[in-house]
C-alpha cells in the first residue's frame, strides 16, 4: 500500500543510467516520479535544449533505458532547495558526472555564464541601427522599437525642434 502524502511534498530524485543506476541528473518534483520521468522524455523528444534532455534523447535514440530513483521526500514547507543542493553535491563528490547546470535550488543559483555566451546575449539584445541626423548630420544610435515608431531622423529633440519649427523660440 502506498503512503498518502498530504500537501505538496517535494520529491528529490535522480535520473540514472540503466542498469548501472549511475546518477546523471538530480531534480525535484511534486508529481509522482513516473510522471516526472515521462515529462523529461517528452521534453527530450520535442527538441533538447538542456544537457539532461540531450542525454535522454541520445539514450532513447540508441535504445538504451533510463530509470528514475527516489532520493528523499521533503515535507510541504520544508527546505527542498537545501536538500536538492545536498544531493547534487553528494553525487558530484562521489564522482558522478551530473548534467545539472547549477548547484541546485530554484533558478540559476551557482551557474556562471561563459563570456562568449554573455557576448551572444548582449548582441541579441542590441537591436537597432546607426543613423545620421538630418538637422546636424551627427551619427546616432536608435533601438529597433524607436525605429519602428519612426524616431530615426533626429539625434535629439532639440534637432527635431530646430528642423521642424525653424529654430528655437526665445521665451523672453
Protein backbone atom coordinates (compact mmCIF):
# COMPACT_ATOMS: atom_id res chain seq x y z
CA UNK A 1 0.00 0.00 0.00
CA UNK A 2 1.36 3.45 -0.98
CA UNK A 3 1.55 6.08 1.76
CA UNK A 4 -0.72 9.08 1.30
CA UNK A 5 1.19 12.38 1.37
CA UNK A 6 -0.88 15.38 2.38
CA UNK A 7 0.06 18.75 0.90
CA UNK A 8 2.64 19.40 -1.78
CA UNK A 9 5.53 17.31 -0.53
CA UNK A 10 8.58 17.60 -2.76
CA UNK A 11 10.40 14.55 -4.01
CA UNK A 12 14.10 14.75 -4.75
CA UNK A 13 15.04 12.28 -7.49
CA UNK A 14 17.89 11.19 -9.71
CA UNK A 15 17.74 10.23 -13.38
CA UNK A 16 20.13 7.31 -13.75
CA UNK A 17 21.81 5.13 -16.34
CA UNK A 18 20.15 1.74 -16.55
CA UNK A 19 21.01 -0.89 -15.37
CA UNK A 20 24.06 0.59 -13.55
CA UNK A 21 21.92 3.23 -11.79
CA UNK A 22 24.72 5.79 -12.03
CA UNK A 23 23.06 9.19 -11.38
CA UNK A 24 23.26 11.70 -14.23
CA UNK A 25 20.77 14.36 -13.08
CA UNK A 26 19.23 15.37 -9.74
CA UNK A 27 15.93 17.22 -9.64
CA UNK A 28 12.78 17.86 -7.63
CA UNK A 29 9.11 17.37 -8.31
CA UNK A 30 5.74 17.36 -6.60
CA UNK A 31 4.44 14.90 -9.23
CA UNK A 32 4.69 11.14 -8.94
CA UNK A 33 8.16 10.11 -10.16
CA UNK A 34 6.74 8.13 -13.08
CA UNK A 35 5.01 11.27 -14.43
CA UNK A 36 8.16 13.36 -13.98
CA UNK A 37 10.17 10.84 -16.00
CA UNK A 38 7.54 10.96 -18.75
CA UNK A 39 7.77 14.77 -18.75
CA UNK A 40 11.58 14.61 -19.08
CA UNK A 41 11.29 12.18 -22.01
CA UNK A 42 8.63 14.35 -23.70
CA UNK A 43 10.89 17.39 -23.37
CA UNK A 44 13.79 15.46 -24.88
CA UNK A 45 11.65 14.40 -27.87
CA UNK A 46 10.42 17.94 -28.51
CA UNK A 47 13.88 19.25 -29.12
CA UNK A 48 16.51 19.04 -26.45
CA UNK A 49 17.69 22.37 -25.09
CA UNK A 50 19.29 21.32 -21.81
CA UNK A 51 22.10 18.83 -21.26
CA UNK A 52 19.77 16.41 -19.46
CA UNK A 53 17.41 16.49 -22.47
CA UNK A 54 20.29 15.90 -24.89
CA UNK A 55 21.40 12.94 -22.81
CA UNK A 56 17.87 11.47 -22.67
CA UNK A 57 17.34 11.94 -26.43
CA UNK A 58 20.68 10.28 -27.19
CA UNK A 59 19.89 7.31 -24.94
CA UNK A 60 16.41 6.91 -26.40
CA UNK A 61 17.78 7.03 -29.95
CA UNK A 62 20.30 4.32 -29.04
CA UNK A 63 17.54 2.19 -27.50
CA UNK A 64 19.01 2.46 -24.01
CA UNK A 65 16.83 2.82 -20.95
CA UNK A 66 16.99 5.27 -18.07
CA UNK A 67 15.49 5.00 -14.62
CA UNK A 68 14.30 7.48 -12.06
CA UNK A 69 15.37 6.89 -8.48
CA UNK A 70 13.71 8.42 -5.42
CA UNK A 71 16.28 10.02 -3.09
CA UNK A 72 14.25 11.87 -0.48
CA UNK A 73 10.84 13.36 0.31
CA UNK A 74 10.74 16.85 1.79
CA UNK A 75 7.51 17.71 3.59
CA UNK A 76 5.43 20.68 2.46
CA UNK A 77 7.05 23.85 3.75
CA UNK A 78 10.44 22.16 4.13
CA UNK A 79 13.68 23.45 2.62
CA UNK A 80 13.74 21.35 -0.55
CA UNK A 81 16.30 23.72 -2.16
CA UNK A 82 18.88 22.86 0.51
CA UNK A 83 18.16 19.14 0.16
CA UNK A 84 18.49 19.27 -3.63
CA UNK A 85 21.82 21.10 -3.26
CA UNK A 86 22.90 18.43 -0.76
CA UNK A 87 22.16 15.57 -3.17
CA UNK A 88 23.83 17.29 -6.12
CA UNK A 89 26.94 17.99 -4.02
CA UNK A 90 26.96 14.42 -2.67
CA UNK A 91 26.75 12.80 -6.11
CA UNK A 92 29.38 15.15 -7.53
CA UNK A 93 31.67 14.37 -4.59
CA UNK A 94 31.11 10.64 -5.27
CA UNK A 95 32.36 11.21 -8.84
CA UNK A 96 29.06 11.27 -10.74
CA UNK A 97 29.15 13.28 -13.96
CA UNK A 98 25.90 15.12 -13.31
CA UNK A 99 24.23 17.09 -16.08
CA UNK A 100 22.82 19.71 -13.71
CA UNK A 101 23.77 23.22 -14.80
CA UNK A 102 23.56 24.61 -11.26
CA UNK A 103 24.32 23.60 -7.71
CA UNK A 104 20.58 23.12 -7.07
CA UNK A 105 17.67 25.10 -5.74
CA UNK A 106 15.38 27.29 -7.78
CA UNK A 107 16.69 29.30 -10.74
CA UNK A 108 20.28 29.64 -11.88
CA UNK A 109 21.99 29.91 -8.50
CA UNK A 110 25.61 28.90 -8.87
CA UNK A 111 25.57 28.96 -12.67
CA UNK A 112 28.23 31.09 -14.34
CA UNK A 113 27.78 32.05 -17.97
CA UNK A 114 30.86 31.92 -20.20
CA UNK A 115 31.99 35.27 -21.61
CA UNK A 116 31.17 34.11 -25.14
CA UNK A 117 27.61 33.35 -24.01
CA UNK A 118 27.31 36.77 -22.34
CA UNK A 119 28.51 38.42 -25.57
CA UNK A 120 25.96 36.46 -27.60
CA UNK A 121 23.13 37.58 -25.30
CA UNK A 122 24.32 41.21 -25.46
CA UNK A 123 24.45 41.09 -29.27
CA UNK A 124 20.92 39.67 -29.42
CA UNK A 125 19.63 42.44 -27.16
CA UNK A 126 21.47 45.13 -29.11
CA UNK A 127 18.94 45.56 -31.92
CA UNK A 128 18.83 48.75 -33.90
CA UNK A 129 21.00 50.76 -36.22
CA UNK A 130 23.11 53.89 -36.69
CA UNK A 131 21.63 56.93 -38.45
CA UNK A 132 22.74 60.43 -39.43
CA UNK A 133 20.69 63.31 -38.03
CA UNK A 134 19.03 65.28 -40.85
CA UNK A 135 19.43 68.54 -38.89
CA UNK A 136 23.04 68.41 -37.65
CA UNK A 137 24.46 65.42 -39.59
CA UNK A 138 25.83 63.77 -36.43
CA UNK A 139 25.69 59.98 -36.17
CA UNK A 140 23.42 58.42 -33.52
CA UNK A 141 22.04 55.03 -32.46
CA UNK A 142 18.37 54.05 -32.24
CA UNK A 143 16.81 50.88 -30.85
CA UNK A 144 14.62 48.81 -33.13
CA UNK A 145 11.48 49.78 -31.18
CA UNK A 146 12.20 53.50 -31.78
CA UNK A 147 12.92 52.85 -35.45
CA UNK A 148 9.54 51.11 -35.82
CA UNK A 149 7.85 54.21 -34.33
CA UNK A 150 9.63 56.37 -36.90
CA UNK A 151 12.08 58.01 -34.49
CA UNK A 152 15.20 57.70 -36.62
CA UNK A 153 15.51 61.10 -38.29
CA UNK A 154 16.91 63.26 -35.50
CA UNK A 155 19.57 62.70 -32.85
CA UNK A 156 17.69 64.74 -30.24
CA UNK A 157 14.50 66.65 -29.55
CA UNK A 158 16.45 69.90 -29.97
CA UNK A 159 17.45 68.97 -33.53
CA UNK A 160 13.87 67.91 -34.32
CA UNK A 161 12.52 71.24 -33.00
CA UNK A 162 15.16 73.23 -34.82
CA UNK A 163 14.42 71.45 -38.11
CA UNK A 164 10.62 71.34 -37.83
CA UNK A 165 10.00 74.79 -36.34
CA UNK A 166 12.73 76.74 -37.98
CA UNK A 167 14.79 77.24 -34.80
CA UNK A 168 14.19 77.60 -31.09
CA UNK A 169 11.72 80.17 -29.87
CA UNK A 170 13.02 82.57 -27.25
CA UNK A 171 10.90 82.56 -24.05
CA UNK A 172 11.56 86.25 -23.25
